[in-house]
Amino acid sequence: MSQLTVYFDDPFWIGVFERIESGHLETCRVIFGTEPKDYEVYDFILKHYSQLKFSRPLAVKEDSSKRINPKRLQRKIKKALQNQGISTKAQEAIRLERETNKLERKIELKEKKDLEKEKRFAIRQEKKKQKKKGH
């Protein structure tokens, strides 16, 4: 099951894709910029859905898969359309993904800094050796 919610988060229009597969929720946040028209959203889904990077799966309990009365289903759909905003589970998944990305960036940046520090140290040591040789 997949769901797309488009909402305005000043100053941009944002789309949140939610995908539930085998009891796991995955989300992806996309910034549209200006207000997207329906056909633009549809075109985006057709062209870029396979390239979206979804968050890590978050366990979620599934509803029972028994048959739902069509009228009840219609009411559920209408209620979902009136409910503006994204689900709290999707917000949680996006937050967790941001935190993990932040930690990964921190680790990567620290490794890069250490490597640069070692490189500068090696250059200084080489300069000292050159001075002692008395060229």
Protein backbone atom coordinates (compact mmCIF):
# COMPACT_ATOMS: atom_id res chain seq x y z
CA MET A 1 0.00 0.00 0.00
CA SER A 2 1.37 3.43 -0.92
CA GLN A 3 0.19 6.90 -0.06
CA LEU A 4 1.29 10.39 -1.05
CA THR A 5 0.49 13.44 1.04
CA VAL A 6 1.22 16.90 -0.36
CA TYR A 7 1.14 19.82 2.07
CA PHE A 8 2.40 23.38 2.38
CA ASP A 9 5.26 23.87 4.83
CA ASP A 10 6.19 27.54 4.49
CA PRO A 11 7.83 28.41 2.04
CA PHE A 12 7.67 25.14 0.04
CA TRP A 13 5.19 22.46 -0.97
CA ILE A 14 6.30 19.09 0.34
CA GLY A 15 5.24 15.59 -0.61
CA VAL A 16 5.57 12.63 1.75
CA PHE A 17 5.48 9.17 0.23
CA GLU A 18 4.48 6.41 2.63
CA ARG A 19 4.89 2.77 1.64
CA ILE A 20 3.76 -0.15 3.78
CA GLU A 21 5.07 -3.56 2.80
CA SER A 22 4.82 -6.70 4.94
CA GLY A 23 4.25 -4.77 8.17
CA HIS A 24 7.05 -2.23 7.62
CA LEU A 25 6.57 1.48 6.97
CA GLU A 26 9.03 3.32 4.72
CA THR A 27 8.80 7.05 4.01
CA CYS A 28 10.36 9.52 1.62
CA ARG A 29 10.14 13.30 1.70
CA VAL A 30 10.18 15.30 -1.55
CA ILE A 31 10.26 19.09 -1.86
CA PHE A 32 8.20 20.35 -4.80
CA GLY A 33 8.83 24.08 -4.39
CA THR A 34 5.84 25.82 -5.96
CA GLU A 35 2.37 24.33 -5.63
CA PRO A 36 2.29 21.26 -7.88
CA LYS A 37 -0.69 20.63 -10.11
CA ASP A 38 -2.30 17.18 -10.12
CA TYR A 39 -0.83 16.27 -13.48
CA GLU A 40 2.65 17.39 -12.31
CA VAL A 41 2.41 15.13 -9.26
CA TYR A 42 1.23 12.25 -11.41
CA ASP A 43 4.08 12.86 -13.87
CA PHE A 44 6.57 12.99 -10.97
CA ILE A 45 5.31 9.65 -9.66
CA LEU A 46 5.58 8.02 -13.08
CA LYS A 47 9.09 9.31 -13.81
CA HIS A 48 10.81 9.43 -10.42
CA TYR A 49 9.12 6.91 -8.08
CA SER A 50 11.75 4.24 -8.74
CA GLN A 51 14.54 6.73 -7.90
CA LEU A 52 13.14 7.77 -4.52
CA LYS A 53 15.24 6.92 -1.49
CA PHE A 54 12.94 5.60 1.19
CA SER A 55 13.84 5.55 4.87
CA ARG A 56 14.78 2.43 6.76
CA PRO A 57 11.77 0.18 7.46
CA LEU A 58 9.88 0.94 10.65
CA ALA A 59 7.78 -1.87 12.10
CA VAL A 60 4.06 -1.15 12.14
CA LYS A 61 1.13 -3.39 12.92
CA GLU A 62 -1.06 -4.17 9.94
CA ASP A 63 -4.82 -3.95 9.89
CA SER A 64 -6.66 -7.17 9.42
CA SER A 65 -7.14 -7.98 5.76
CA LYS A 66 -10.82 -8.87 5.99
CA ARG A 67 -13.20 -7.39 3.46
CA ILE A 68 -14.41 -3.86 4.23
CA ASN A 69 -17.90 -2.66 3.44
CA PRO A 70 -17.73 -0.36 0.36
CA LYS A 71 -19.64 2.44 2.09
CA ARG A 72 -17.29 2.29 5.06
CA LEU A 73 -14.34 2.32 2.69
CA GLN A 74 -15.77 5.42 0.99
CA ARG A 75 -16.14 7.14 4.35
CA LYS A 76 -12.56 6.20 5.26
CA ILE A 77 -11.27 7.64 1.98
CA LYS A 78 -13.28 10.84 2.44
CA LYS A 79 -11.97 11.21 5.99
CA ALA A 80 -8.40 10.63 4.83
CA LEU A 81 -8.77 13.28 2.13
CA GLN A 82 -10.10 15.83 4.61
CA ASN A 83 -7.34 15.05 7.09
CA GLN A 84 -4.56 17.40 6.03
CA GLY A 85 -1.08 16.35 7.15
CA ILE A 86 1.00 13.26 7.40
CA SER A 87 0.68 10.39 9.82
CA THR A 88 2.70 10.45 13.00
CA LYS A 89 4.37 7.18 12.03
CA ALA A 90 5.61 8.80 8.83
CA GLN A 91 6.89 11.78 10.83
CA GLU A 92 8.69 9.39 13.16
CA ALA A 93 10.26 7.52 10.26
CA ILE A 94 11.43 10.77 8.64
CA ARG A 95 12.88 11.95 11.97
CA LEU A 96 14.74 8.68 12.49
CA GLU A 97 16.11 8.82 8.95
CA ARG A 98 17.35 12.38 9.48
CA GLU A 99 19.08 11.38 12.73
CA THR A 100 20.82 8.41 11.15
CA ASN A 101 21.92 10.50 8.16
CA LYS A 102 23.23 13.14 10.56
CA LEU A 103 25.27 10.56 12.47
CA GLU A 104 26.65 9.10 9.24
CA ARG A 105 27.67 12.57 8.04
CA LYS A 106 29.35 13.30 11.38
CA ILE A 107 31.37 10.09 11.22
CA GLU A 108 32.33 10.70 7.61
CA LEU A 109 33.37 14.29 8.35
CA LYS A 110 35.45 13.21 11.36
CA GLU A 111 37.27 10.59 9.30
CA LYS A 112 37.95 13.17 6.60
CA LYS A 113 39.28 15.66 9.18
CA ASP A 114 41.55 13.04 10.75
CA LEU A 115 42.89 12.03 7.36
CA GLU A 116 43.63 15.67 6.50
CA LYS A 117 45.29 16.17 9.89
CA GLU A 118 47.54 13.14 9.35
CA LYS A 119 48.41 14.38 5.87
CA ARG A 120 49.42 17.82 7.20
CA PHE A 121 51.44 16.18 9.98
CA ALA A 122 53.30 14.02 7.46
CA ILE A 123 54.08 17.11 5.35
CA ARG A 124 55.45 18.95 8.42
CA GLN A 125 57.59 15.96 9.35
CA GLU A 126 58.95 15.81 5.80
CA LYS A 127 59.83 19.51 5.93
CA LYS A 128 61.70 18.99 9.23
CA LYS A 129 63.70 16.16 7.69
CA GLN A 130 64.56 18.34 4.70
CA LYS A 131 65.80 21.14 6.99
CA LYS A 132 68.02 18.76 8.97
CA LYS A 133 69.65 17.41 5.80
CA GLY A 134 71.07 20.87 5.16
CA HIS A 135 70.30 21.33 1.50
